[in-house]
Amino acid sequence: MDPLKLRATYGHDLALVGGVDKRELTKGRGEIDREVWRLAPLMEDGGFIPTVDHAVPPDVPYENWLTYLDVKRELLGM
């Protein structure tokens, strides 16, 4: 499910968790950046916790996971 579409439909009546496409985490820095930054409006708007749904698959390299966390920290100003 696309959290951007859910927010457009339900507004802040629905808090959201998840929404990060874990398939993008198997790719490179550019794809990880695009995936996290596409969710930036929701993070700035509040009521949204960006994370992968369920578990991180074993085909996501550890270095990519760390990159994903760094991009989220950068976006959130941490």
N, C-alpha and C. Protein backbone atom coordinates (compact mmCIF):
# COMPACT_ATOMS: atom_id res chain seq x y z
N MET A 1 0.84 -1.18 0.00
CA MET A 1 0.00 0.00 0.00
C MET A 1 0.88 1.24 0.00
N ASP A 2 0.45 2.23 -0.67
CA ASP A 2 1.21 3.47 -0.79
C ASP A 2 0.78 4.44 0.31
N PRO A 3 1.68 4.75 1.25
CA PRO A 3 1.30 5.65 2.34
C PRO A 3 0.92 7.06 1.86
N LEU A 4 1.47 7.49 0.73
CA LEU A 4 1.11 8.80 0.20
C LEU A 4 -0.36 8.82 -0.23
N LYS A 5 -0.81 7.73 -0.87
CA LYS A 5 -2.21 7.64 -1.28
C LYS A 5 -3.13 7.51 -0.06
N LEU A 6 -2.69 6.75 0.93
CA LEU A 6 -3.50 6.61 2.15
C LEU A 6 -3.68 7.95 2.84
N ARG A 7 -2.61 8.74 2.92
CA ARG A 7 -2.70 10.05 3.57
C ARG A 7 -3.62 10.97 2.78
N ALA A 8 -3.54 10.89 1.45
CA ALA A 8 -4.40 11.72 0.61
C ALA A 8 -5.87 11.35 0.81
N THR A 9 -6.13 10.08 1.03
CA THR A 9 -7.50 9.61 1.19
C THR A 9 -8.04 9.86 2.59
N TYR A 10 -7.23 9.56 3.62
CA TYR A 10 -7.72 9.58 5.01
C TYR A 10 -7.20 10.73 5.84
N GLY A 11 -6.28 11.50 5.32
CA GLY A 11 -5.72 12.61 6.08
C GLY A 11 -5.07 12.13 7.37
N HIS A 12 -5.17 12.92 8.41
CA HIS A 12 -4.55 12.59 9.69
C HIS A 12 -5.44 11.74 10.57
N ASP A 13 -6.56 11.26 10.03
CA ASP A 13 -7.40 10.34 10.79
C ASP A 13 -6.76 8.97 10.92
N LEU A 14 -5.69 8.76 10.17
CA LEU A 14 -5.02 7.47 10.13
C LEU A 14 -3.52 7.68 10.32
N ALA A 15 -2.97 7.15 11.43
CA ALA A 15 -1.52 7.17 11.62
C ALA A 15 -0.93 6.03 10.80
N LEU A 16 0.24 6.24 10.25
CA LEU A 16 0.83 5.27 9.34
C LEU A 16 2.20 4.82 9.83
N VAL A 17 2.47 3.53 9.68
CA VAL A 17 3.77 2.93 9.99
C VAL A 17 4.13 2.02 8.83
N GLY A 18 5.36 2.10 8.37
CA GLY A 18 5.82 1.24 7.27
C GLY A 18 6.01 2.04 6.01
N GLY A 19 5.63 1.46 4.89
CA GLY A 19 5.62 2.18 3.63
C GLY A 19 6.91 2.23 2.85
N VAL A 20 8.03 1.80 3.44
CA VAL A 20 9.30 1.81 2.71
C VAL A 20 9.39 0.53 1.88
N ASP A 21 9.62 0.68 0.59
CA ASP A 21 9.71 -0.47 -0.31
C ASP A 21 11.05 -1.17 -0.09
N LYS A 22 11.01 -2.31 0.58
CA LYS A 22 12.24 -3.02 0.91
C LYS A 22 12.99 -3.51 -0.31
N ARG A 23 12.31 -3.63 -1.45
CA ARG A 23 13.00 -4.03 -2.68
C ARG A 23 14.00 -2.98 -3.12
N GLU A 24 13.72 -1.72 -2.81
CA GLU A 24 14.65 -0.65 -3.17
C GLU A 24 15.93 -0.72 -2.33
N LEU A 25 15.86 -1.33 -1.17
CA LEU A 25 17.04 -1.43 -0.31
C LEU A 25 18.04 -2.45 -0.83
N THR A 26 17.65 -3.26 -1.80
CA THR A 26 18.59 -4.22 -2.39
C THR A 26 19.46 -3.56 -3.45
N LYS A 27 19.12 -2.34 -3.82
CA LYS A 27 19.79 -1.64 -4.92
C LYS A 27 20.87 -0.71 -4.37
N GLY A 28 21.13 0.38 -5.03
CA GLY A 28 22.21 1.28 -4.64
C GLY A 28 21.74 2.50 -3.87
N ARG A 29 22.69 3.36 -3.57
CA ARG A 29 22.44 4.57 -2.79
C ARG A 29 21.38 5.45 -3.45
N GLY A 30 21.41 5.58 -4.76
CA GLY A 30 20.45 6.44 -5.46
C GLY A 30 19.02 5.97 -5.26
N GLU A 31 18.79 4.67 -5.37
CA GLU A 31 17.45 4.13 -5.19
C GLU A 31 16.99 4.25 -3.74
N ILE A 32 17.91 4.04 -2.83
CA ILE A 32 17.57 4.19 -1.41
C ILE A 32 17.22 5.64 -1.11
N ASP A 33 18.01 6.57 -1.62
CA ASP A 33 17.71 8.00 -1.44
C ASP A 33 16.32 8.34 -1.98
N ARG A 34 16.06 7.91 -3.20
CA ARG A 34 14.75 8.21 -3.82
C ARG A 34 13.60 7.64 -3.01
N GLU A 35 13.75 6.41 -2.52
CA GLU A 35 12.66 5.78 -1.77
C GLU A 35 12.38 6.52 -0.47
N VAL A 36 13.43 6.86 0.25
CA VAL A 36 13.22 7.56 1.53
C VAL A 36 12.71 8.98 1.29
N TRP A 37 13.31 9.69 0.35
CA TRP A 37 12.92 11.08 0.11
C TRP A 37 11.53 11.21 -0.51
N ARG A 38 11.04 10.17 -1.17
CA ARG A 38 9.67 10.25 -1.70
C ARG A 38 8.66 10.28 -0.55
N LEU A 39 9.06 9.76 0.60
CA LEU A 39 8.19 9.74 1.78
C LEU A 39 8.39 10.96 2.68
N ALA A 40 9.30 11.85 2.29
CA ALA A 40 9.60 13.03 3.10
C ALA A 40 8.38 13.87 3.46
N PRO A 41 7.45 14.10 2.53
CA PRO A 41 6.29 14.91 2.90
C PRO A 41 5.49 14.33 4.07
N LEU A 42 5.41 13.01 4.12
CA LEU A 42 4.70 12.38 5.22
C LEU A 42 5.44 12.53 6.54
N MET A 43 6.76 12.41 6.48
CA MET A 43 7.57 12.56 7.69
C MET A 43 7.46 13.98 8.22
N GLU A 44 7.49 14.94 7.33
CA GLU A 44 7.40 16.35 7.73
C GLU A 44 6.01 16.68 8.26
N ASP A 45 5.00 16.01 7.71
CA ASP A 45 3.61 16.26 8.08
C ASP A 45 3.24 15.63 9.42
N GLY A 46 3.96 14.59 9.82
CA GLY A 46 3.70 13.92 11.09
C GLY A 46 2.71 12.78 10.95
N GLY A 47 2.63 11.97 12.00
CA GLY A 47 1.72 10.85 11.98
C GLY A 47 2.17 9.72 11.08
N PHE A 48 3.47 9.64 10.84
CA PHE A 48 4.01 8.61 9.95
C PHE A 48 5.37 8.18 10.46
N ILE A 49 5.56 6.87 10.60
CA ILE A 49 6.86 6.30 10.98
C ILE A 49 7.34 5.47 9.80
N PRO A 50 8.39 5.92 9.11
CA PRO A 50 8.87 5.19 7.94
C PRO A 50 9.72 3.99 8.34
N THR A 51 9.34 2.84 7.88
CA THR A 51 10.11 1.62 8.09
C THR A 51 9.66 0.59 7.06
N VAL A 52 10.39 -0.51 6.97
CA VAL A 52 9.96 -1.58 6.07
C VAL A 52 8.83 -2.36 6.74
N ASP A 53 7.95 -2.89 5.93
CA ASP A 53 6.88 -3.73 6.45
C ASP A 53 7.44 -5.13 6.72
N HIS A 54 7.00 -5.73 7.77
CA HIS A 54 7.41 -7.09 8.14
C HIS A 54 8.91 -7.10 8.45
N ALA A 55 9.67 -7.96 7.82
CA ALA A 55 11.10 -8.08 8.11
C ALA A 55 11.92 -7.63 6.91
N VAL A 56 13.16 -7.28 7.18
CA VAL A 56 14.09 -6.93 6.11
C VAL A 56 14.55 -8.24 5.47
N PRO A 57 14.39 -8.39 4.16
CA PRO A 57 14.77 -9.65 3.51
C PRO A 57 16.28 -9.88 3.53
N PRO A 58 16.68 -11.13 3.44
CA PRO A 58 18.11 -11.45 3.51
C PRO A 58 18.92 -10.95 2.32
N ASP A 59 18.26 -10.54 1.24
CA ASP A 59 19.02 -10.05 0.08
C ASP A 59 19.36 -8.57 0.18
N VAL A 60 19.01 -7.92 1.30
CA VAL A 60 19.42 -6.53 1.53
C VAL A 60 20.80 -6.56 2.19
N PRO A 61 21.82 -6.07 1.48
CA PRO A 61 23.15 -6.05 2.08
C PRO A 61 23.18 -5.17 3.34
N TYR A 62 23.98 -5.58 4.30
CA TYR A 62 24.09 -4.83 5.55
C TYR A 62 24.49 -3.38 5.29
N GLU A 63 25.41 -3.16 4.37
CA GLU A 63 25.84 -1.80 4.03
C GLU A 63 24.66 -0.97 3.51
N ASN A 64 23.77 -1.58 2.74
CA ASN A 64 22.59 -0.87 2.26
C ASN A 64 21.65 -0.52 3.40
N TRP A 65 21.53 -1.43 4.37
CA TRP A 65 20.69 -1.14 5.54
C TRP A 65 21.24 0.07 6.28
N LEU A 66 22.56 0.11 6.45
CA LEU A 66 23.17 1.26 7.13
C LEU A 66 22.96 2.53 6.33
N THR A 67 23.04 2.44 5.01
CA THR A 67 22.79 3.60 4.15
C THR A 67 21.36 4.08 4.34
N TYR A 68 20.41 3.17 4.35
CA TYR A 68 19.00 3.50 4.57
C TYR A 68 18.83 4.26 5.89
N LEU A 69 19.44 3.76 6.95
CA LEU A 69 19.34 4.43 8.25
C LEU A 69 19.97 5.82 8.21
N ASP A 70 21.11 5.95 7.53
CA ASP A 70 21.76 7.26 7.40
C ASP A 70 20.88 8.25 6.64
N VAL A 71 20.24 7.80 5.57
CA VAL A 71 19.38 8.68 4.78
C VAL A 71 18.20 9.14 5.63
N LYS A 72 17.61 8.23 6.41
CA LYS A 72 16.50 8.63 7.30
C LYS A 72 16.97 9.65 8.33
N ARG A 73 18.13 9.43 8.91
CA ARG A 73 18.66 10.38 9.89
C ARG A 73 18.91 11.74 9.25
N GLU A 74 19.45 11.72 8.06
CA GLU A 74 19.70 12.97 7.33
C GLU A 74 18.39 13.71 7.10
N LEU A 75 17.39 13.02 6.65
CA LEU A 75 16.10 13.63 6.37
C LEU A 75 15.47 14.19 7.64
N LEU A 76 15.60 13.46 8.73
CA LEU A 76 14.98 13.87 9.98
C LEU A 76 15.84 14.86 10.76
N GLY A 77 17.02 15.18 10.23
CA GLY A 77 17.88 16.16 10.88
C GLY A 77 18.52 15.63 12.16
N MET A 78 18.81 14.36 12.18
CA MET A 78 19.40 13.74 13.38
C MET A 78 20.89 13.57 13.24
